C-alpha atoms as a PDB file:
ATOM      1  CA  SER A   1     101.712  86.467  48.856  1.00  0.00           C
ATOM      2  CA  TYR A   2     102.961  84.061  51.476  1.00  0.00           C
ATOM      3  CA  LEU A   3     101.903  83.793  55.103  1.00  0.00           C
ATOM      4  CA  ARG A   4     103.378  81.464  57.696  1.00  0.00           C
ATOM      5  CA  LYS A   5     102.465  81.232  61.355  1.00  0.00           C
ATOM      6  CA  LEU A   6     104.272  79.007  63.852  1.00  0.00           C
ATOM      7  CA  TRP A   7     103.353  78.201  67.426  1.00  0.00           C
ATOM      8  CA  SER A   8     104.974  75.801  69.859  1.00  0.00           C
ATOM      9  CA  THR A   9     105.135  75.067  73.555  1.00  0.00           C
ATOM     10  CA  THR A  10     106.968  72.660  75.846  1.00  0.00           C
ATOM     11  CA  LEU A  11     106.406  71.418  79.377  1.00  0.00           C
ATOM     12  CA  GLN A  12     109.120  69.759  81.456  1.00  0.00           C
ATOM     13  CA  VAL A  13     108.486  68.142  84.834  1.00  0.00           C
ATOM     14  CA  ASP A  14     111.386  66.859  86.983  1.00  0.00           C
ATOM     15  CA  HIS A  15     111.025  64.826  90.144  1.00  0.00           C
ATOM     16  CA  GLN A  16     113.810  63.383  92.282  1.00  0.00           C
ATOM     17  CA  LEU A  17     112.415  59.999  93.340  1.00  0.00           C
ATOM     18  CA  ASN A  18     115.348  59.285  95.654  1.00  0.00           C
ATOM     19  CA  PRO A  19     119.017  60.335  95.904  1.00  0.00           C
ATOM     20  CA  ASP A  20     119.944  57.963  93.063  1.00  0.00           C
ATOM     21  CA  VAL A  21     117.028  58.160  90.579  1.00  0.00           C
ATOM     22  CA  ALA A  22     115.279  61.091  88.880  1.00  0.00           C
ATOM     23  CA  PHE A  23     112.107  61.133  86.778  1.00  0.00           C
ATOM     24  CA  THR A  24     111.606  63.518  83.849  1.00  0.00           C
ATOM     25  CA  SER A  25     108.549  64.184  81.679  1.00  0.00           C
ATOM     26  CA  LEU A  26     108.935  66.188  78.458  1.00  0.00           C
ATOM     27  CA  THR A  27     105.831  67.264  76.533  1.00  0.00           C
ATOM     28  CA  SER A  28     105.841  69.371  73.372  1.00  0.00           C
ATOM     29  CA  TYR A  29     103.315  70.644  70.842  1.00  0.00           C
ATOM     30  CA  PHE A  30     103.994  72.351  67.507  1.00  0.00           C
ATOM     31  CA  SER A  31     101.581  73.926  65.035  1.00  0.00           C
ATOM     32  CA  SER A  32     102.285  75.568  61.679  1.00  0.00           C
ATOM     33  CA  TYR A  33      99.955  77.391  59.292  1.00  0.00           C
ATOM     34  CA  ASN A  34     101.107  78.132  55.720  1.00  0.00           C
ATOM     35  CA  ARG A  35      99.175  80.026  53.031  1.00  0.00           C
ATOM     36  CA  GLY A  36     100.682  80.819  49.636  1.00  0.00           C
ATOM     37  CA  VAL A  37      99.084  82.533  46.620  1.00  0.00           C
ATOM     38  CA  THR A  38     100.674  82.704  43.152  1.00  0.00           C
ATOM     39  CA  ASP A  39      99.236  84.563  40.143  1.00  0.00           C
ATOM     40  CA  PHE A  40     100.637  82.810  37.066  1.00  0.00           C
ATOM     41  CA  ALA A  41      99.226  85.163  34.421  1.00  0.00           C
ATOM     42  CA  LYS A  42      99.859  88.524  36.178  1.00  0.00           C
ATOM     43  CA  ARG A  43      96.506  89.979  35.114  1.00  0.00           C
ATOM     44  CA  PRO A  44      94.393  92.629  36.940  1.00  0.00           C
ATOM     45  CA  ILE A  45      92.012  89.770  37.725  1.00  0.00           C
ATOM     46  CA  PRO A  46      93.815  86.438  38.205  1.00  0.00           C
ATOM     47  CA  LEU A  47      93.384  84.173  35.205  1.00  0.00           C
ATOM     48  CA  ASP A  48      95.279  81.277  36.768  1.00  0.00           C
ATOM     49  CA  LYS A  49      95.698  81.572  40.539  1.00  0.00           C
ATOM     50  CA  LEU A  50      97.419  78.880  42.581  1.00  0.00           C
ATOM     51  CA  ASP A  51      96.682  78.448  46.290  1.00  0.00           C
ATOM     52  CA  GLN A  52      99.201  76.359  48.239  1.00  0.00           C
ATOM     53  CA  ASN A  53      98.331  75.553  51.856  1.00  0.00           C
ATOM     54  CA  LEU A  54     100.058  73.373  54.412  1.00  0.00           C
ATOM     55  CA  ASP A  55      98.980  72.768  58.003  1.00  0.00           C
ATOM     56  CA  GLN A  56     100.999  70.654  60.436  1.00  0.00           C
ATOM     57  CA  ARG A  57     100.504  69.495  64.021  1.00  0.00           C
ATOM     58  CA  VAL A  58     103.132  67.614  66.027  1.00  0.00           C
ATOM     59  CA  PHE A  59     102.745  66.285  69.574  1.00  0.00           C
ATOM     60  CA  THR A  60     105.512  64.468  71.461  1.00  0.00           C
ATOM     61  CA  GLN A  61     105.754  62.919  74.900  1.00  0.00           C
ATOM     62  CA  GLU A  62     108.854  61.491  76.559  1.00  0.00           C
ATOM     63  CA  LEU A  63     109.082  59.811  79.963  1.00  0.00           C
ATOM     64  CA  ARG A  64     112.446  58.795  81.357  1.00  0.00           C
ATOM     65  CA  LEU A  65     114.262  57.632  84.463  1.00  0.00           C
ATOM     66  CA  ALA A  66     117.928  58.445  84.994  1.00  0.00           C
ATOM     67  CA  SER A  67     120.577  57.766  87.600  1.00  0.00           C
ATOM     68  CA  THR A  68     121.783  60.763  89.598  1.00  0.00           C
ATOM     69  CA  GLY A  69     124.000  59.119  92.209  1.00  0.00           C
ATOM     70  CA  HIS A  70     127.782  58.853  92.273  1.00  0.00           C
ATOM     71  CA  SER A  71     128.665  55.327  91.213  1.00  0.00           C
ATOM     72  CA  GLN A  72     130.546  53.522  88.472  1.00  0.00           C
ATOM     73  CA  LEU A  73     127.326  53.008  86.497  1.00  0.00           C
ATOM     74  CA  ASP A  74     125.298  55.824  84.900  1.00  0.00           C
ATOM     75  CA  TRP A  75     122.075  54.879  83.151  1.00  0.00           C
ATOM     76  CA  ILE A  76     118.958  56.280  81.523  1.00  0.00           C
ATOM     77  CA  ALA A  77     115.789  54.539  80.274  1.00  0.00           C
ATOM     78  CA  GLY A  78     112.549  55.831  78.884  1.00  0.00           C
ATOM     79  CA  LEU A  79     109.622  55.845  76.481  1.00  0.00           C
ATOM     80  CA  PHE A  80     108.889  58.195  73.565  1.00  0.00           C
ATOM     81  CA  PHE A  81     105.730  58.920  71.541  1.00  0.00           C
ATOM     82  CA  GLU A  82     105.191  61.229  68.571  1.00  0.00           C
ATOM     83  CA  HIS A  83     102.082  62.040  66.543  1.00  0.00           C
ATOM     84  CA  HIS A  84     102.513  64.098  63.359  1.00  0.00           C
ATOM     85  CA  ARG A  85      99.585  65.231  61.213  1.00  0.00           C
ATOM     86  CA  SER A  86     100.036  67.182  57.974  1.00  0.00           C
ATOM     87  CA  THR A  87      97.492  68.432  55.421  1.00  0.00           C
ATOM     88  CA  PRO A  88      98.947  69.901  52.214  1.00  0.00           C
ATOM     89  CA  LEU A  89      96.414  71.383  49.765  1.00  0.00           C
ATOM     90  CA  THR A  90      97.034  72.750  46.272  1.00  0.00           C
ATOM     91  CA  ALA A  91      94.196  74.454  44.367  1.00  0.00           C
ATOM     92  CA  ASP A  92      94.778  75.792  40.831  1.00  0.00           C
ATOM     93  CA  ASN A  93      91.849  78.143  40.082  1.00  0.00           C
ATOM     94  CA  PHE A  94      91.047  79.073  36.463  1.00  0.00           C
ATOM     95  CA  SER A  95      89.032  82.244  35.886  1.00  0.00           C
ATOM     96  CA  THR A  96      87.521  84.125  32.943  1.00  0.00           C
ATOM     97  CA  GLY A  97      89.965  86.948  33.659  1.00  0.00           C
ATOM     98  CA  ASP A  98      87.168  89.400  32.937  1.00  0.00           C
ATOM     99  CA  VAL A  99      87.537  92.491  35.150  1.00  0.00           C
ATOM    100  CA  ASN A 100      83.760  93.063  35.026  1.00  0.00           C
ATOM    101  CA  ASN A 101      82.851  89.397  35.591  1.00  0.00           C
ATOM    102  CA  PRO A 102      85.669  87.485  37.353  1.00  0.00           C
ATOM    103  CA  ILE A 103      84.189  83.995  37.514  1.00  0.00           C
ATOM    104  CA  ILE A 104      86.139  80.873  38.467  1.00  0.00           C
ATOM    105  CA  ILE A 105      85.369  78.311  35.761  1.00  0.00           C
ATOM    106  CA  GLY A 106      87.475  75.420  37.034  1.00  0.00           C
ATOM    107  CA  THR A 107      89.718  74.206  39.862  1.00  0.00           C
ATOM    108  CA  ASP A 108      92.374  71.540  39.896  1.00  0.00           C
ATOM    109  CA  LEU A 109      92.390  70.317  43.496  1.00  0.00           C
ATOM    110  CA  ASP A 110      95.127  68.172  45.069  1.00  0.00           C
ATOM    111  CA  VAL A 111      94.681  67.294  48.761  1.00  0.00           C
ATOM    112  CA  ASP A 112      96.714  64.966  50.971  1.00  0.00           C
ATOM    113  CA  LYS A 113      95.930  64.030  54.559  1.00  0.00           C
ATOM    114  CA  LYS A 114      98.649  62.206  56.414  1.00  0.00           C
ATOM    115  CA  TRP A 115      99.346  61.131  59.960  1.00  0.00           C
ATOM    116  CA  GLN A 116     102.440  59.457  61.354  1.00  0.00           C
ATOM    117  CA  ARG A 117     102.991  57.887  64.771  1.00  0.00           C
ATOM    118  CA  ARG A 118     106.157  56.683  66.455  1.00  0.00           C
ATOM    119  CA  PHE A 119     106.487  54.624  69.639  1.00  0.00           C
ATOM    120  CA  ALA A 120     109.950  53.985  71.077  1.00  0.00           C
ATOM    121  CA  ALA A 121     111.642  52.506  74.123  1.00  0.00           C
ATOM    122  CA  PHE A 122     115.259  53.422  74.775  1.00  0.00           C
ATOM    123  CA  ALA A 123     118.000  52.775  77.302  1.00  0.00           C
ATOM    124  CA  ASP A 124     121.642  53.741  77.743  1.00  0.00           C
ATOM    125  CA  ALA A 125     124.215  52.632  80.314  1.00  0.00           C
ATOM    126  CA  THR A 126     127.750  53.915  80.891  1.00  0.00           C
ATOM    127  CA  TYR A 127     130.211  51.996  83.081  1.00  0.00           C
ATOM    128  CA  HIS A 128     133.334  53.695  84.469  1.00  0.00           C
ATOM    129  CA  VAL A 129     136.306  51.590  85.501  1.00  0.00           C
ATOM    130  CA  GLY A 130     139.708  53.210  86.000  1.00  0.00           C
ATOM    131  CA  ASP A 131     140.593  55.270  82.938  1.00  0.00           C
ATOM    132  CA  TRP A 132     138.077  53.389  80.791  1.00  0.00           C
ATOM    133  CA  GLN A 133     134.477  54.252  79.986  1.00  0.00           C
ATOM    134  CA  PHE A 134     132.139  51.777  78.266  1.00  0.00           C
ATOM    135  CA  GLU A 135     128.753  52.884  76.946  1.00  0.00           C
ATOM    136  CA  LEU A 136     125.978  50.721  75.507  1.00  0.00           C
ATOM    137  CA  GLY A 137     122.689  52.105  74.215  1.00  0.00           C
ATOM    138  CA  ALA A 138     119.660  50.753  72.367  1.00  0.00           C
ATOM    139  CA  ARG A 139     116.399  52.038  70.910  1.00  0.00           C
ATOM    140  CA  GLU A 140     113.473  49.933  69.708  1.00  0.00           C
ATOM    141  CA  GLU A 141     110.950  51.878  67.645  1.00  0.00           C
ATOM    142  CA  HIS A 142     107.620  51.028  66.058  1.00  0.00           C
ATOM    143  CA  TYR A 143     106.131  53.420  63.513  1.00  0.00           C
ATOM    144  CA  MET A 144     102.873  53.741  61.591  1.00  0.00           C
ATOM    145  CA  SER A 145     101.908  56.003  58.702  1.00  0.00           C
ATOM    146  CA  SER A 146      98.671  56.560  56.802  1.00  0.00           C
ATOM    147  CA  GLU A 147      97.822  58.816  53.860  1.00  0.00           C
ATOM    148  CA  GLU A 148      94.646  59.789  52.006  1.00  0.00           C
ATOM    149  CA  ALA A 149      94.994  61.514  48.632  1.00  0.00           C
ATOM    150  CA  TYR A 150      92.530  63.242  46.297  1.00  0.00           C
ATOM    151  CA  ASN A 151      93.392  64.802  42.925  1.00  0.00           C
ATOM    152  CA  ASN A 152      90.716  65.819  40.391  1.00  0.00           C
ATOM    153  CA  SER A 153      93.196  66.891  37.679  1.00  0.00           C
ATOM    154  CA  LEU A 154      93.772  63.229  36.775  1.00  0.00           C
ATOM    155  CA  THR A 155      91.624  61.051  34.540  1.00  0.00           C
ATOM    156  CA  PRO A 156      89.923  59.401  36.301  1.00  0.00           C
ATOM    157  CA  PRO A 157      90.223  61.543  39.458  1.00  0.00           C
ATOM    158  CA  LEU A 158      92.409  60.045  42.169  1.00  0.00           C
ATOM    159  CA  SER A 159      90.852  59.054  45.467  1.00  0.00           C
ATOM    160  CA  ALA A 160      93.106  56.618  47.282  1.00  0.00           C
ATOM    161  CA  SER A 161      94.474  55.726  50.674  1.00  0.00           C
ATOM    162  CA  ALA A 162      97.401  53.669  51.936  1.00  0.00           C
ATOM    163  CA  SER A 163      99.057  52.793  55.218  1.00  0.00           C
ATOM    164  CA  LEU A 164     102.205  51.071  56.423  1.00  0.00           C
ATOM    165  CA  SER A 165     103.984  50.141  59.629  1.00  0.00           C
ATOM    166  CA  GLY A 166     107.294  48.715  60.736  1.00  0.00           C
ATOM    167  CA  SER A 167     109.833  48.410  63.517  1.00  0.00           C
ATOM    168  CA  GLN A 168     113.530  49.123  63.829  1.00  0.00           C
ATOM    169  CA  PHE A 169     116.223  48.354  66.405  1.00  0.00           C
ATOM    170  CA  ALA A 170     119.023  50.916  66.744  1.00  0.00           C
ATOM    171  CA  PRO A 171     122.045  50.044  68.957  1.00  0.00           C
ATOM    172  CA  ARG A 172     124.996  52.186  70.005  1.00  0.00           C
ATOM    173  CA  LEU A 173     128.389  51.184  71.430  1.00  0.00           C
ATOM    174  CA  SER A 174     131.107  53.537  72.628  1.00  0.00           C
ATOM    175  CA  VAL A 175     134.466  53.043  74.354  1.00  0.00           C
ATOM    176  CA  GLN A 176     136.576  55.839  75.791  1.00  0.00           C
ATOM    177  CA  TYR A 177     140.065  55.809  77.329  1.00  0.00           C
ATOM    178  CA  LYS A 178     141.415  58.706  79.369  1.00  0.00           C
ATOM    179  CA  LEU A 179     145.124  59.248  78.687  1.00  0.00           C
ATOM    180  CA  SER A 180     145.230  62.176  81.119  1.00  0.00           C
ATOM    181  CA  PRO A 181     142.733  64.419  82.932  1.00  0.00           C
ATOM    182  CA  THR A 182     142.568  66.640  79.803  1.00  0.00           C
ATOM    183  CA  PHE A 183     143.099  64.101  76.998  1.00  0.00           C
ATOM    184  CA  ASN A 184     141.012  61.091  75.943  1.00  0.00           C
ATOM    185  CA  VAL A 185     140.468  58.936  72.870  1.00  0.00           C
ATOM    186  CA  TYR A 186     137.213  57.198  71.942  1.00  0.00           C
ATOM    187  CA  THR A 187     135.463  55.068  69.349  1.00  0.00           C
ATOM    188  CA  THR A 188     131.733  54.817  68.637  1.00  0.00           C
ATOM    189  CA  ILE A 189     129.556  52.593  66.470  1.00  0.00           C
ATOM    190  CA  ALA A 190     125.916  53.658  66.121  1.00  0.00           C
ATOM    191  CA  ARG A 191     122.884  52.971  63.969  1.00  0.00           C
ATOM    192  CA  GLY A 192     120.210  55.509  63.126  1.00  0.00           C
ATOM    193  CA  PHE A 193     117.186  55.396  60.882  1.00  0.00           C
ATOM    194  CA  GLN A 194     114.342  57.375  59.309  1.00  0.00           C
ATOM    195  CA  PRO A 195     110.937  55.605  59.321  1.00  0.00           C
ATOM    196  CA  ALA A 196     109.227  54.523  56.113  1.00  0.00           C
ATOM    197  CA  ASP A 197     106.683  56.913  54.624  1.00  0.00           C
ATOM    198  CA  GLU A 198     104.269  57.422  51.733  1.00  0.00           C
ATOM    199  CA  ILE A 199     104.088  59.987  48.938  1.00  0.00           C
ATOM    200  CA  GLU A 200     101.496  60.603  46.214  1.00  0.00           C
ATOM    201  CA  GLU A 201     102.998  60.933  42.733  1.00  0.00           C
ATOM    202  CA  ASN A 202     101.252  60.813  39.340  1.00  0.00           C
ATOM    203  CA  GLY A 203      98.053  59.433  40.771  1.00  0.00           C
ATOM    204  CA  VAL A 204      99.649  56.655  42.849  1.00  0.00           C
ATOM    205  CA  ILE A 205     100.572  56.562  46.539  1.00  0.00           C
ATOM    206  CA  HIS A 206     104.093  55.147  46.640  1.00  0.00           C
ATOM    207  CA  PRO A 207     105.763  53.737  49.767  1.00  0.00           C
ATOM    208  CA  LEU A 208     109.163  55.150  50.694  1.00  0.00           C
ATOM    209  CA  LYS A 209     111.528  52.651  52.253  1.00  0.00           C
ATOM    210  CA  PRO A 210     113.067  53.408  55.653  1.00  0.00           C
ATOM    211  CA  GLU A 211     116.545  54.910  55.651  1.00  0.00           C
ATOM    212  CA  ILE A 212     119.114  53.126  57.807  1.00  0.00           C
ATOM    213  CA  ALA A 213     122.555  54.563  58.557  1.00  0.00           C
ATOM    214  CA  THR A 214     125.424  52.924  60.430  1.00  0.00           C
ATOM    215  CA  SER A 215     128.221  55.255  61.527  1.00  0.00           C
ATOM    216  CA  TYR A 216     131.738  54.550  62.784  1.00  0.00           C
ATOM    217  CA  GLU A 217     133.762  57.200  64.589  1.00  0.00           C
ATOM    218  CA  ILE A 218     137.242  57.287  66.121  1.00  0.00           C
ATOM    219  CA  GLY A 219     138.487  60.495  67.698  1.00  0.00           C
ATOM    220  CA  LEU A 220     140.265  62.347  70.452  1.00  0.00           C
ATOM    221  CA  LYS A 221     139.365  65.228  72.704  1.00  0.00           C
ATOM    222  CA  SER A 222     141.898  67.314  74.585  1.00  0.00           C
ATOM    223  CA  LEU A 223     142.387  70.595  76.376  1.00  0.00           C
ATOM    224  CA  LEU A 224     145.769  72.204  75.719  1.00  0.00           C
ATOM    225  CA  ASP A 225     146.106  75.135  78.128  1.00  0.00           C
ATOM    226  CA  SER A 226     143.137  77.266  76.986  1.00  0.00           C
ATOM    227  CA  VAL A 227     142.681  75.609  73.572  1.00  0.00           C
ATOM    228  CA  MET A 228     140.188  72.750  73.123  1.00  0.00           C
ATOM    229  CA  LEU A 229     141.144  70.267  70.409  1.00  0.00           C
ATOM    230  CA  ASN A 230     138.780  67.720  68.866  1.00  0.00           C
ATOM    231  CA  ALA A 231     139.833  65.440  66.031  1.00  0.00           C
END
């Protein structure tokens, strides 16, 4: 059997501070509940039953200011926070398999408790001059992760904890030129990343290095009569 329940909610608050600046607050919460049961031996009374559970909670909060006026400069700046907690549990239950006396005689238990937090500040500005558009963005993020692991199927049983933290700067640069009202060309250079993490394998909590990706893009966008062309 497998059971999964998901629940999420969001709250958005917008406030126009003045004709040129708007404030936005975005709040979200996500919860998931997973329960899985596997009978390895396929007996009337489970001889080897595996329970696999996973609970997750994610909370995010974003606060940002953005320009709303009509000028050559458009901009946005804000703060972001995320808290992610996950608790995977695996229990392998061994039984006598006796229909008249189904007694669990042993359990291999593997439990992980992990939380991850991310704090970020970001800003983006776009300047319009003639047929040109120049955009510059940046994001500075600090992350933290902590994990506690327990596994009694190892010799000796595992009971360990580990934590890590780090920071990453992610810039973005884009230039666009408008050849006509329905045709423009652009180029973009951007950096993205996935924070470092931990994972428990073979009785040891290993750190996972952060993933960093730098992308380069050159393209065109046009509207030909009623056909939109992107390349």
